[in-house]
Amino acid sequence: MASGRFISNTLGASHKFGDLTSDTHRVMYVLLLTHTDVEGRVDADPRVLNGRAFTLMGWTTDQVQEGLESLAAARLIHLYRVDGRQYAEVVDFEKHNKVRRDREKASEIPARTSETAAPIPHDGGSTPGALPEAAGSSPQQVEVQVQVEVQAQEPRAQAPAAGARQPGKTRTPNKLGDFDPSTITLPEFLDPDAWRDFVAHRHKLRKPLTERAVELILADLAKTPLDADEMLRRTVTNGWTGVFPLDHRRRDTPPPGASKALDQYTERGL
């Protein structure tokens, strides 16, 4: 390890460094950089760091562990274990440090691998350290990779056959076979024959009544119960689909010639 590391003047503009919420953790990161080996690794046992890098800082081992986990959560370092011992590796170390491998001692700290990059147990700090990820990958990239692998392993669900009902879904009745409006209990003011004619009329128009449609129509008929039967008959006669209030003013005033037509109808015995 060199006697010191060159700290890039871009550190103050680093978003990851600036997002740290504690100045203590920022100081910890800077001091940690000065003690990395040629590969950017360091023994991250809090007791060792307190004896070497943070000698006079007065931090407890719990505070050091919490700070390391905060740096790992910010993706400034990787924490990992080998044979039960904790190590740290600076993220993108060579990108920000000019290393002369011909002048420095080879690293004696084991490298971080997919097997050793297991989560570091959190022993009580405020920032949990769920840390492992593939080298050079962001947390979002790792999550996407896992989702893609799972989707590739799962068999593709086959599309349901045409007209087949999907489990867990309730289909709204839209055919007489699902719901028969001619068999419902009618209110007393309604003539069953007039209602059945109306139901058959809707079915003939390919507009079968649903349960909700029946509720709304009966509610409209109940507003003028004395006219209900006639409203249904007019709907059938005129080929309508809905029911409408009667216009009593027009009904009470016979159209011109109506009386003569009625007399002829009576004379023929019809």
Protein backbone atom coordinates (compact mmCIF):
# COMPACT_ATOMS: atom_id res chain seq x y z
CA MET A 1 0.00 0.00 0.00
CA ALA A 2 1.20 3.47 -0.81
CA SER A 3 1.83 5.91 2.02
CA GLY A 4 -1.19 7.88 0.86
CA ARG A 5 -3.76 8.08 -1.88
CA PHE A 6 -4.44 10.92 -4.26
CA ILE A 7 -8.00 12.10 -3.69
CA SER A 8 -9.60 13.42 -6.88
CA ASN A 9 -10.76 17.02 -6.86
CA THR A 10 -14.08 15.80 -8.28
CA LEU A 11 -15.04 14.23 -4.95
CA GLY A 12 -16.94 17.33 -3.85
CA ALA A 13 -19.10 17.10 -6.98
CA SER A 14 -19.90 13.43 -6.48
CA HIS A 15 -23.63 12.85 -6.04
CA LYS A 16 -23.06 9.68 -4.05
CA PHE A 17 -20.64 11.46 -1.72
CA GLY A 18 -22.95 14.47 -1.44
CA ASP A 19 -25.97 12.31 -0.66
CA LEU A 20 -24.40 11.09 2.56
CA THR A 21 -26.44 12.53 5.42
CA SER A 22 -23.60 12.58 7.94
CA ASP A 23 -20.37 14.60 7.86
CA THR A 24 -18.86 11.87 10.04
CA HIS A 25 -19.45 9.35 7.27
CA ARG A 26 -17.88 11.70 4.73
CA VAL A 27 -14.74 12.02 6.87
CA MET A 28 -14.73 8.25 7.32
CA TYR A 29 -14.78 7.72 3.55
CA VAL A 30 -11.87 10.12 2.95
CA LEU A 31 -9.76 8.49 5.69
CA LEU A 32 -10.68 5.05 4.37
CA LEU A 33 -9.35 5.98 0.92
CA THR A 34 -5.89 6.71 2.35
CA HIS A 35 -5.58 3.16 3.68
CA THR A 36 -6.62 1.08 0.66
CA ASP A 37 -4.20 -1.29 -1.04
CA VAL A 38 -3.37 -1.41 -4.75
CA GLU A 39 -6.76 -2.99 -5.51
CA GLY A 40 -8.75 -0.47 -3.47
CA ARG A 41 -9.40 -2.98 -0.66
CA VAL A 42 -9.03 -2.57 3.07
CA ASP A 43 -9.53 -4.65 6.19
CA ALA A 44 -12.90 -3.34 7.36
CA ASP A 45 -12.94 -4.78 10.87
CA PRO A 46 -14.07 -1.73 12.92
CA ARG A 47 -11.44 -2.53 15.57
CA VAL A 48 -8.67 -2.59 12.95
CA LEU A 49 -9.87 0.64 11.36
CA ASN A 50 -10.01 2.37 14.74
CA GLY A 51 -6.39 1.35 15.31
CA ARG A 52 -5.10 2.36 11.87
CA ALA A 53 -7.25 4.79 9.93
CA PHE A 54 -9.44 6.38 12.63
CA THR A 55 -6.92 6.34 15.47
CA LEU A 56 -7.81 9.66 17.14
CA MET A 57 -11.40 10.08 15.95
CA GLY A 58 -12.90 8.64 19.13
CA TRP A 59 -15.50 6.55 17.29
CA THR A 60 -16.85 3.34 18.81
CA THR A 61 -16.81 0.13 16.83
CA ASP A 62 -20.60 0.36 16.47
CA GLN A 63 -20.26 3.85 15.02
CA VAL A 64 -17.62 2.64 12.57
CA GLN A 65 -19.78 -0.29 11.49
CA GLU A 66 -22.75 2.00 11.02
CA GLY A 67 -20.61 4.35 8.93
CA LEU A 68 -19.32 1.53 6.74
CA GLU A 69 -22.84 0.33 6.10
CA SER A 70 -23.89 3.87 5.21
CA LEU A 71 -21.03 4.11 2.70
CA ALA A 72 -22.02 0.73 1.27
CA ALA A 73 -25.67 1.78 1.00
CA ALA A 74 -24.51 4.89 -0.91
CA ARG A 75 -22.51 2.60 -3.25
CA LEU A 76 -19.22 4.25 -2.38
CA ILE A 77 -17.78 0.95 -1.11
CA HIS A 78 -18.60 -2.74 -1.22
CA LEU A 79 -18.68 -4.67 2.06
CA TYR A 80 -18.08 -8.41 2.01
CA ARG A 81 -16.91 -11.26 4.21
CA VAL A 82 -14.34 -13.98 3.71
CA ASP A 83 -13.96 -16.65 6.39
CA GLY A 84 -16.00 -14.54 8.77
CA ARG A 85 -13.81 -11.44 8.37
CA GLN A 86 -15.19 -8.17 7.02
CA TYR A 87 -13.49 -6.31 4.16
CA ALA A 88 -14.28 -3.23 2.10
CA GLU A 89 -13.58 -2.47 -1.54
CA VAL A 90 -13.82 1.06 -2.94
CA VAL A 91 -16.23 1.31 -5.87
CA ASP A 92 -14.57 2.36 -9.17
CA PHE A 93 -11.25 2.61 -7.35
CA GLU A 94 -8.99 2.76 -10.41
CA LYS A 95 -11.28 5.25 -12.12
CA HIS A 96 -10.43 7.88 -9.53
CA ASN A 97 -6.93 6.78 -8.44
CA LYS A 98 -3.72 6.54 -10.42
CA VAL A 99 -2.18 3.27 -9.31
CA ARG A 100 1.41 2.21 -10.05
CA ARG A 101 1.22 -1.54 -9.68
CA ASP A 102 4.95 -1.85 -10.39
CA ARG A 103 5.70 0.23 -7.30
CA GLU A 104 3.13 -1.12 -4.87
CA LYS A 105 2.82 -4.38 -3.02
CA ALA A 106 0.27 -6.82 -4.33
CA SER A 107 -2.99 -6.98 -2.41
CA GLU A 108 -3.09 -9.49 0.43
CA ILE A 109 -6.84 -9.05 0.94
CA PRO A 110 -9.05 -11.65 -0.74
CA ALA A 111 -11.08 -10.42 -3.66
CA ARG A 112 -14.82 -9.94 -3.52
CA THR A 113 -16.71 -12.61 -5.46
CA SER A 114 -20.35 -13.52 -5.95
CA GLU A 115 -19.97 -16.03 -3.12
CA THR A 116 -18.29 -13.63 -0.70
CA ALA A 117 -20.52 -10.65 -1.50
CA ALA A 118 -23.15 -11.80 0.98
CA PRO A 119 -25.18 -9.24 3.01
CA ILE A 120 -23.33 -7.89 6.03
CA PRO A 121 -25.41 -8.52 9.19
CA HIS A 122 -26.62 -5.24 10.68
CA ASP A 123 -25.96 -5.03 14.39
CA GLY A 124 -27.83 -1.91 15.38
CA GLY A 125 -26.97 1.18 13.30
CA SER A 126 -29.50 3.45 11.66
CA THR A 127 -28.62 2.40 8.10
CA PRO A 128 -29.11 -1.29 7.25
CA GLY A 129 -26.53 -2.76 4.88
CA ALA A 130 -28.17 -4.88 2.23
CA LEU A 131 -25.11 -4.67 0.03
CA PRO A 132 -24.40 -7.44 -2.47
CA GLU A 133 -24.60 -6.87 -6.21
CA ALA A 134 -22.69 -7.78 -9.34
CA ALA A 135 -19.53 -5.76 -9.82
CA GLY A 136 -20.23 -2.49 -11.59
CA SER A 137 -24.00 -2.94 -11.42
CA SER A 138 -26.41 -0.59 -9.74
CA PRO A 139 -29.20 -1.89 -7.45
CA GLN A 140 -31.73 -1.18 -10.18
CA GLN A 141 -29.74 -3.24 -12.71
CA VAL A 142 -29.51 -6.21 -10.36
CA GLU A 143 -33.26 -6.15 -9.76
CA VAL A 144 -33.97 -6.13 -13.49
CA GLN A 145 -31.60 -9.04 -14.06
CA VAL A 146 -33.37 -11.13 -11.43
CA GLN A 147 -36.79 -10.38 -12.86
CA VAL A 148 -35.68 -11.34 -16.37
CA GLU A 149 -34.27 -14.64 -15.15
CA VAL A 150 -37.47 -15.50 -13.29
CA GLN A 151 -39.61 -14.66 -16.26
CA ALA A 152 -37.45 -16.78 -18.52
CA GLN A 153 -37.90 -19.79 -16.24
CA GLU A 154 -41.64 -19.49 -15.80
CA PRO A 155 -43.77 -21.17 -18.49
CA ARG A 156 -45.81 -18.75 -20.55
CA ALA A 157 -49.49 -18.85 -19.71
CA GLN A 158 -51.60 -19.87 -22.66
CA ALA A 159 -54.27 -17.46 -23.80
CA PRO A 160 -57.79 -18.60 -22.84
CA ALA A 161 -59.96 -20.01 -25.58
CA ALA A 162 -62.45 -17.68 -27.19
CA GLY A 163 -65.52 -17.29 -25.00
CA ALA A 164 -63.94 -19.15 -22.08
CA ARG A 165 -64.50 -17.68 -18.63
CA GLN A 166 -61.34 -16.84 -16.73
CA PRO A 167 -61.17 -18.07 -13.13
CA GLY A 168 -61.68 -15.43 -10.49
CA LYS A 169 -63.66 -13.12 -12.77
CA THR A 170 -67.42 -12.66 -12.65
CA ARG A 171 -69.02 -12.04 -16.00
CA THR A 172 -71.89 -9.60 -16.10
CA PRO A 173 -75.00 -11.45 -17.29
CA ASN A 174 -75.79 -10.43 -20.84
CA LYS A 175 -77.84 -13.32 -22.14
CA LEU A 176 -81.15 -14.83 -21.11
CA GLY A 177 -79.29 -18.03 -20.32
CA ASP A 178 -77.41 -16.23 -17.53
CA PHE A 179 -80.33 -14.30 -16.13
CA ASP A 180 -84.02 -14.75 -16.98
CA PRO A 181 -85.86 -11.46 -16.31
CA SER A 182 -89.22 -13.06 -17.14
CA THR A 183 -89.13 -15.11 -13.92
CA ILE A 184 -88.48 -12.32 -11.41
CA THR A 185 -91.01 -11.30 -8.78
CA LEU A 186 -92.84 -8.27 -10.17
CA PRO A 187 -94.33 -5.37 -8.21
CA GLU A 188 -98.12 -5.48 -7.81
CA PHE A 189 -98.73 -2.55 -10.13
CA LEU A 190 -97.22 -4.35 -13.12
CA ASP A 191 -99.10 -6.73 -15.46
CA PRO A 192 -97.03 -9.96 -15.83
CA ASP A 193 -98.12 -10.35 -19.49
CA ALA A 194 -96.99 -6.81 -20.36
CA TRP A 195 -93.66 -7.49 -18.67
CA ARG A 196 -93.11 -10.80 -20.46
CA ASP A 197 -93.90 -9.17 -23.82
CA PHE A 198 -91.32 -6.47 -23.03
CA VAL A 199 -88.70 -9.05 -22.06
CA ALA A 200 -89.28 -11.01 -25.28
CA HIS A 201 -89.13 -7.77 -27.26
CA ARG A 202 -85.72 -6.90 -25.82
CA HIS A 203 -84.48 -10.40 -26.54
CA LYS A 204 -85.67 -10.15 -30.14
CA LEU A 205 -83.73 -6.88 -30.51
CA ARG A 206 -80.64 -8.69 -29.18
CA LYS A 207 -80.68 -6.36 -26.19
CA PRO A 208 -81.40 -8.87 -23.40
CA LEU A 209 -82.01 -7.41 -19.97
CA THR A 210 -79.33 -7.63 -17.31
CA GLU A 211 -80.11 -7.58 -13.60
CA ARG A 212 -79.00 -3.97 -13.37
CA ALA A 213 -81.13 -2.94 -16.35
CA VAL A 214 -84.19 -4.55 -14.73
CA GLU A 215 -83.55 -2.64 -11.51
CA LEU A 216 -83.37 0.69 -13.35
CA ILE A 217 -86.44 0.04 -15.53
CA LEU A 218 -88.58 -1.06 -12.58
CA ALA A 219 -87.50 2.06 -10.72
CA ASP A 220 -88.66 4.21 -13.66
CA LEU A 221 -91.97 2.37 -13.87
CA ALA A 222 -92.54 2.80 -10.13
CA LYS A 223 -92.54 6.58 -10.58
CA THR A 224 -95.83 6.35 -12.51
CA PRO A 225 -97.29 2.96 -11.51
CA LEU A 226 -100.68 3.60 -13.16
CA ASP A 227 -98.96 4.08 -16.52
CA ALA A 228 -96.45 1.24 -16.14
CA ASP A 229 -98.24 -1.34 -18.31
CA GLU A 230 -98.90 1.17 -21.07
CA MET A 231 -95.29 2.35 -21.02
CA LEU A 232 -94.15 -1.23 -21.62
CA ARG A 233 -96.66 -1.74 -24.43
CA ARG A 234 -95.61 1.46 -26.18
CA THR A 235 -91.99 0.40 -26.03
CA VAL A 236 -92.85 -2.88 -27.74
CA THR A 237 -95.11 -1.20 -30.31
CA ASN A 238 -92.58 1.45 -31.26
CA GLY A 239 -89.57 -0.87 -31.27
CA TRP A 240 -87.83 1.03 -28.50
CA THR A 241 -85.41 -0.47 -26.00
CA GLY A 242 -86.23 1.77 -23.03
CA VAL A 243 -89.41 2.91 -21.30
CA PHE A 244 -90.59 6.50 -21.28
CA PRO A 245 -93.27 8.46 -19.41
CA LEU A 246 -96.59 8.92 -21.19
CA ASP A 247 -97.59 12.32 -22.51
CA HIS A 248 -101.08 12.63 -20.98
CA ARG A 249 -101.83 15.89 -22.73
CA ARG A 250 -101.51 14.26 -26.13
CA ARG A 251 -103.37 11.15 -24.99
CA ASP A 252 -106.37 13.15 -23.66
CA THR A 253 -106.75 15.10 -26.95
CA PRO A 254 -107.75 12.69 -29.75
CA PRO A 255 -106.13 13.48 -33.09
CA PRO A 256 -108.31 14.71 -35.96
CA GLY A 257 -110.41 11.89 -37.46
CA ALA A 258 -109.92 9.61 -34.49
CA SER A 259 -113.65 9.57 -33.64
CA LYS A 260 -114.66 8.69 -37.23
CA ALA A 261 -112.10 5.90 -37.39
CA LEU A 262 -113.39 4.46 -34.14
CA ASP A 263 -116.98 4.48 -35.43
CA GLN A 264 -115.93 2.58 -38.55
CA TYR A 265 -114.02 0.09 -36.42
CA THR A 266 -117.13 -0.50 -34.27
CA GLU A 267 -119.50 -0.79 -37.24
CA ARG A 268 -117.41 -3.63 -38.70
CA GLY A 269 -117.66 -5.49 -35.42
CA LEU A 270 -113.92 -5.44 -34.90
